[in-house]
């Protein structure tokens, strides 16, 4: 994706991003925060910070947070105050010294880093202090047998990577992270209507993606614990939270 296409993609997404229910789901944010031992003296970098949801959630627990994002349109929807700072920058373009941060966080970011992905993770490792931690959260297919369906749905939505637990662990291990712990967070009753309505996608694509869900195979519906209620399609979404140590 060229820089111009990328900027336009996020410009469109930024308009309704903060309206997405999953972005602000309290239980997901709590699971993310409690997965690592954030401390009052921590200096934290939140990559792909977007509208700053994770940066704001972590800020009361630590000394200082820097939010990093490639999209100024997304950053314009964050609130700059207190111990939070935001920078328009790509993690793959180094600006920090070695061994600077106590924690690096990345929620639902790495699937968008479709090129030089390992390089991005290597950079996270480099800028962490010895003993520092990387906290990485990503959505994954709920079962191996629906991975191809998962890829087809998201291919229609955007260019992105499809991860598994094994590929995420390899990504971190290849950068040097050790003793990586994995926890599972299931986002129950995820609304497909809400997701599509606030996606910035054309209506015809929204309709096609919705149909791909409701007309999925029985295996697909079972894997997602799908329910159709009041004209909405509700599914259970699987997320992994990985914490690796330098």
Protein backbone atom coordinates (compact mmCIF):
# COMPACT_ATOMS: atom_id res chain seq x y z
CA UNK A 1 0.00 0.00 0.00
CA UNK A 2 1.49 3.33 -1.04
CA UNK A 3 1.75 6.13 1.53
CA UNK A 4 -1.03 8.07 -0.20
CA UNK A 5 -3.38 5.07 -0.23
CA UNK A 6 -2.48 4.32 3.37
CA UNK A 7 -3.19 7.88 4.48
CA UNK A 8 -6.54 7.87 2.68
CA UNK A 9 -7.44 4.47 4.18
CA UNK A 10 -6.91 5.76 7.71
CA UNK A 11 -8.50 9.13 6.95
CA UNK A 12 -11.73 7.29 6.10
CA UNK A 13 -11.40 4.91 9.07
CA UNK A 14 -10.69 7.73 11.53
CA UNK A 15 -14.10 9.34 11.06
CA UNK A 16 -15.99 6.54 12.80
CA UNK A 17 -13.24 4.63 14.58
CA UNK A 18 -14.16 5.91 18.02
CA UNK A 19 -17.75 4.78 17.45
CA UNK A 20 -16.73 1.11 17.21
CA UNK A 21 -17.97 -0.75 20.29
CA UNK A 22 -15.09 -3.23 20.39
CA UNK A 23 -12.49 -0.44 20.51
CA UNK A 24 -13.72 0.69 23.92
CA UNK A 25 -14.82 -2.66 25.35
CA UNK A 26 -13.93 -2.43 29.02
CA UNK A 27 -13.27 -6.13 29.56
CA UNK A 28 -10.83 -6.27 26.63
CA UNK A 29 -8.97 -3.20 27.86
CA UNK A 30 -8.84 -4.64 31.37
CA UNK A 31 -7.47 -7.94 30.06
CA UNK A 32 -4.80 -6.04 28.17
CA UNK A 33 -3.84 -3.88 31.16
CA UNK A 34 -3.68 -6.79 33.60
CA UNK A 35 -1.64 -8.99 31.28
CA UNK A 36 1.56 -7.16 32.20
CA UNK A 37 2.75 -5.56 35.42
CA UNK A 38 2.55 -1.89 34.53
CA UNK A 39 4.37 0.15 37.17
CA UNK A 40 4.34 3.78 38.28
CA UNK A 41 7.84 4.46 36.95
CA UNK A 42 7.29 2.81 33.56
CA UNK A 43 8.03 4.67 30.33
CA UNK A 44 5.71 3.17 27.71
CA UNK A 45 5.48 3.32 23.91
CA UNK A 46 2.10 2.46 22.38
CA UNK A 47 2.61 1.70 18.69
CA UNK A 48 -0.25 2.03 16.23
CA UNK A 49 -1.95 4.02 18.95
CA UNK A 50 -4.74 5.20 16.63
CA UNK A 51 -7.10 7.34 18.68
CA UNK A 52 -5.09 6.62 21.82
CA UNK A 53 -7.45 4.21 23.56
CA UNK A 54 -4.71 1.99 24.97
CA UNK A 55 -2.43 4.93 25.69
CA UNK A 56 -5.19 6.52 27.78
CA UNK A 57 -6.00 3.23 29.52
CA UNK A 58 -2.39 2.60 30.53
CA UNK A 59 -1.48 6.20 31.39
CA UNK A 60 -2.86 6.23 34.98
CA UNK A 61 -0.71 3.18 35.79
CA UNK A 62 2.63 4.51 34.55
CA UNK A 63 4.94 7.54 34.50
CA UNK A 64 4.67 8.44 30.83
CA UNK A 65 3.17 7.13 27.56
CA UNK A 66 4.10 8.00 24.00
CA UNK A 67 1.57 7.05 21.32
CA UNK A 68 2.99 6.38 17.86
CA UNK A 69 0.88 6.19 14.70
CA UNK A 70 1.31 6.66 10.94
CA UNK A 71 -2.00 8.50 10.59
CA UNK A 72 -2.42 12.10 11.67
CA UNK A 73 -6.17 11.75 11.11
CA UNK A 74 -6.31 9.00 13.74
CA UNK A 75 -4.12 10.99 16.12
CA UNK A 76 -6.37 14.03 15.72
CA UNK A 77 -9.08 12.01 17.49
CA UNK A 78 -6.93 11.37 20.57
CA UNK A 79 -6.72 13.66 23.60
CA UNK A 80 -3.26 15.05 24.37
CA UNK A 81 -3.00 15.70 28.08
CA UNK A 82 -1.14 14.91 31.28
CA UNK A 83 1.46 12.15 30.79
CA UNK A 84 0.46 11.22 27.23
CA UNK A 85 2.24 12.37 24.07
CA UNK A 86 1.50 11.48 20.46
CA UNK A 87 3.85 11.31 17.46
CA UNK A 88 3.12 10.72 13.76
CA UNK A 89 5.68 8.08 12.90
CA UNK A 90 6.11 4.55 11.54
CA UNK A 91 7.71 2.10 13.99
CA UNK A 92 9.82 0.84 11.09
CA UNK A 93 11.51 4.24 10.81
CA UNK A 94 13.69 4.40 13.96
CA UNK A 95 13.80 7.57 16.05
CA UNK A 96 14.51 6.20 19.54
CA UNK A 97 17.77 5.13 21.14
CA UNK A 98 18.39 1.55 22.26
CA UNK A 99 16.98 0.42 25.61
CA UNK A 100 14.62 3.37 26.22
CA UNK A 101 11.22 1.93 27.16
CA UNK A 102 10.03 -0.29 30.01
CA UNK A 103 7.03 -1.50 28.02
CA UNK A 104 5.94 -1.44 24.38
CA UNK A 105 2.25 -2.04 23.68
CA UNK A 106 0.48 -2.91 20.43
CA UNK A 107 -3.22 -3.76 20.34
CA UNK A 108 -4.66 -4.81 16.97
CA UNK A 109 -1.78 -3.20 15.10
CA UNK A 110 0.54 -5.81 13.65
CA UNK A 111 -1.98 -7.27 11.21
CA UNK A 112 -1.80 -3.89 9.44
CA UNK A 113 2.01 -4.07 9.15
CA UNK A 114 1.94 -6.19 6.02
CA UNK A 115 5.49 -5.36 4.91
CA UNK A 116 8.70 -5.61 6.93
CA UNK A 117 6.67 -7.10 9.77
CA UNK A 118 9.61 -8.77 11.46
CA UNK A 119 11.55 -5.54 11.17
CA UNK A 120 8.79 -3.76 13.11
CA UNK A 121 8.95 -6.34 15.90
CA UNK A 122 12.76 -6.16 15.91
CA UNK A 123 12.48 -2.43 16.48
CA UNK A 124 10.15 -2.99 19.44
CA UNK A 125 12.76 -5.31 20.92
CA UNK A 126 15.65 -2.88 20.30
CA UNK A 127 14.06 0.09 22.04
CA UNK A 128 13.06 -1.88 25.14
CA UNK A 129 15.27 -1.89 28.20
CA UNK A 130 16.77 -5.19 29.30
CA UNK A 131 13.98 -6.85 31.27
CA UNK A 132 11.38 -4.71 29.47
CA UNK A 133 8.20 -6.23 28.07
CA UNK A 134 6.29 -6.26 24.80
CA UNK A 135 2.50 -6.56 25.13
CA UNK A 136 0.96 -7.62 21.83
CA UNK A 137 -2.76 -8.25 21.20
CA UNK A 138 -4.18 -9.61 17.96
CA UNK A 139 -7.38 -11.19 16.69
CA UNK A 140 -7.03 -14.71 15.28
CA UNK A 141 -9.34 -17.24 13.60
CA UNK A 142 -11.34 -19.03 16.31
CA UNK A 143 -10.47 -22.48 14.91
CA UNK A 144 -8.04 -23.81 12.25
CA UNK A 145 -10.87 -25.08 10.04
CA UNK A 146 -12.24 -21.55 9.49
CA UNK A 147 -8.91 -19.83 8.82
CA UNK A 148 -9.58 -19.63 5.06
CA UNK A 149 -13.04 -18.13 5.66
CA UNK A 150 -11.46 -15.61 8.02
CA UNK A 151 -8.93 -14.63 5.35
CA UNK A 152 -11.60 -14.26 2.65
CA UNK A 153 -13.72 -11.98 4.82
CA UNK A 154 -10.85 -9.71 5.72
CA UNK A 155 -9.47 -9.69 2.18
CA UNK A 156 -12.71 -8.00 1.14
CA UNK A 157 -12.35 -5.47 3.96
CA UNK A 158 -8.67 -4.51 3.78
CA UNK A 159 -5.12 -5.64 3.14
CA UNK A 160 -3.91 -7.38 6.30
CA UNK A 161 -2.08 -10.34 7.78
CA UNK A 162 -3.82 -13.34 9.30
CA UNK A 163 -2.03 -14.55 12.41
CA UNK A 164 -2.20 -17.72 14.46
CA UNK A 165 -0.82 -18.28 17.94
CA UNK A 166 2.16 -20.07 16.39
CA UNK A 167 2.98 -17.26 13.94
CA UNK A 168 2.71 -14.59 16.65
CA UNK A 169 5.00 -16.55 18.95
CA UNK A 170 7.50 -16.97 16.10
CA UNK A 171 7.37 -13.25 15.32
CA UNK A 172 8.34 -12.44 18.90
CA UNK A 173 10.86 -15.25 19.30
CA UNK A 174 12.66 -14.24 16.11
CA UNK A 175 13.20 -10.78 17.56
CA UNK A 176 14.70 -12.20 20.73
CA UNK A 177 11.78 -12.15 23.16
CA UNK A 178 11.88 -14.91 25.75
CA UNK A 179 9.37 -16.63 28.03
CA UNK A 180 6.45 -15.24 26.03
CA UNK A 181 3.15 -15.90 27.76
CA UNK A 182 -0.14 -16.14 25.87
CA UNK A 183 -3.61 -15.46 27.23
CA UNK A 184 -6.92 -15.71 25.39
CA UNK A 185 -9.63 -13.08 25.47
CA UNK A 186 -12.97 -13.94 23.88
CA UNK A 187 -14.98 -10.91 22.88
CA UNK A 188 -18.54 -12.19 23.20
CA UNK A 189 -21.46 -11.00 21.10
CA UNK A 190 -19.33 -8.93 18.74
CA UNK A 191 -21.77 -7.01 16.53
CA UNK A 192 -21.13 -7.40 12.81
CA UNK A 193 -23.57 -4.55 12.13
CA UNK A 194 -21.66 -2.17 14.40
CA UNK A 195 -18.33 -3.27 12.94
CA UNK A 196 -19.43 -2.73 9.34
CA UNK A 197 -21.44 0.45 9.95
CA UNK A 198 -18.34 2.13 11.40
CA UNK A 199 -15.81 0.59 9.01
CA UNK A 200 -15.82 3.28 6.35
CA UNK A 201 -16.46 0.60 3.71
CA UNK A 202 -18.84 1.16 0.78
CA UNK A 203 -22.32 -0.24 1.44
CA UNK A 204 -21.98 -2.96 -1.19
CA UNK A 205 -18.88 -4.36 0.55
CA UNK A 206 -20.60 -4.14 3.91
CA UNK A 207 -23.49 -6.18 2.52
CA UNK A 208 -21.18 -8.81 1.03
CA UNK A 209 -19.24 -9.25 4.27
CA UNK A 210 -22.47 -9.52 6.25
CA UNK A 211 -23.75 -12.19 3.88
CA UNK A 212 -20.48 -14.10 4.17
CA UNK A 213 -21.16 -14.38 7.89
CA UNK A 214 -24.85 -15.28 7.91
CA UNK A 215 -24.43 -17.70 5.00
CA UNK A 216 -21.34 -19.35 6.40
CA UNK A 217 -21.05 -23.10 6.87
CA UNK A 218 -22.27 -24.82 10.01
CA UNK A 219 -18.63 -25.29 11.00
CA UNK A 220 -18.08 -21.54 10.60
CA UNK A 221 -21.18 -20.65 12.61
CA UNK A 222 -20.25 -23.07 15.38
CA UNK A 223 -16.65 -21.81 15.58
CA UNK A 224 -17.92 -18.25 16.01
CA UNK A 225 -20.87 -19.22 18.24
CA UNK A 226 -22.97 -17.17 15.84
CA UNK A 227 -26.38 -15.78 16.76
CA UNK A 228 -28.80 -13.77 14.63
CA UNK A 229 -30.75 -11.39 16.83
CA UNK A 230 -32.93 -8.44 15.80
CA UNK A 231 -31.35 -8.15 12.37
CA UNK A 232 -27.80 -8.32 13.69
CA UNK A 233 -25.20 -11.06 13.47
CA UNK A 234 -23.41 -11.61 16.79
CA UNK A 235 -20.22 -13.66 17.01
CA UNK A 236 -17.58 -14.51 19.59
CA UNK A 237 -14.19 -13.15 18.51
CA UNK A 238 -10.94 -14.72 19.64
CA UNK A 239 -8.09 -12.45 20.66
CA UNK A 240 -4.64 -13.38 21.91
CA UNK A 241 -2.57 -11.26 24.28
CA UNK A 242 1.13 -12.09 24.26
CA UNK A 243 3.67 -10.76 26.74
CA UNK A 244 7.34 -11.27 25.93
CA UNK A 245 10.40 -10.20 27.90
CA UNK A 246 13.69 -8.80 26.63
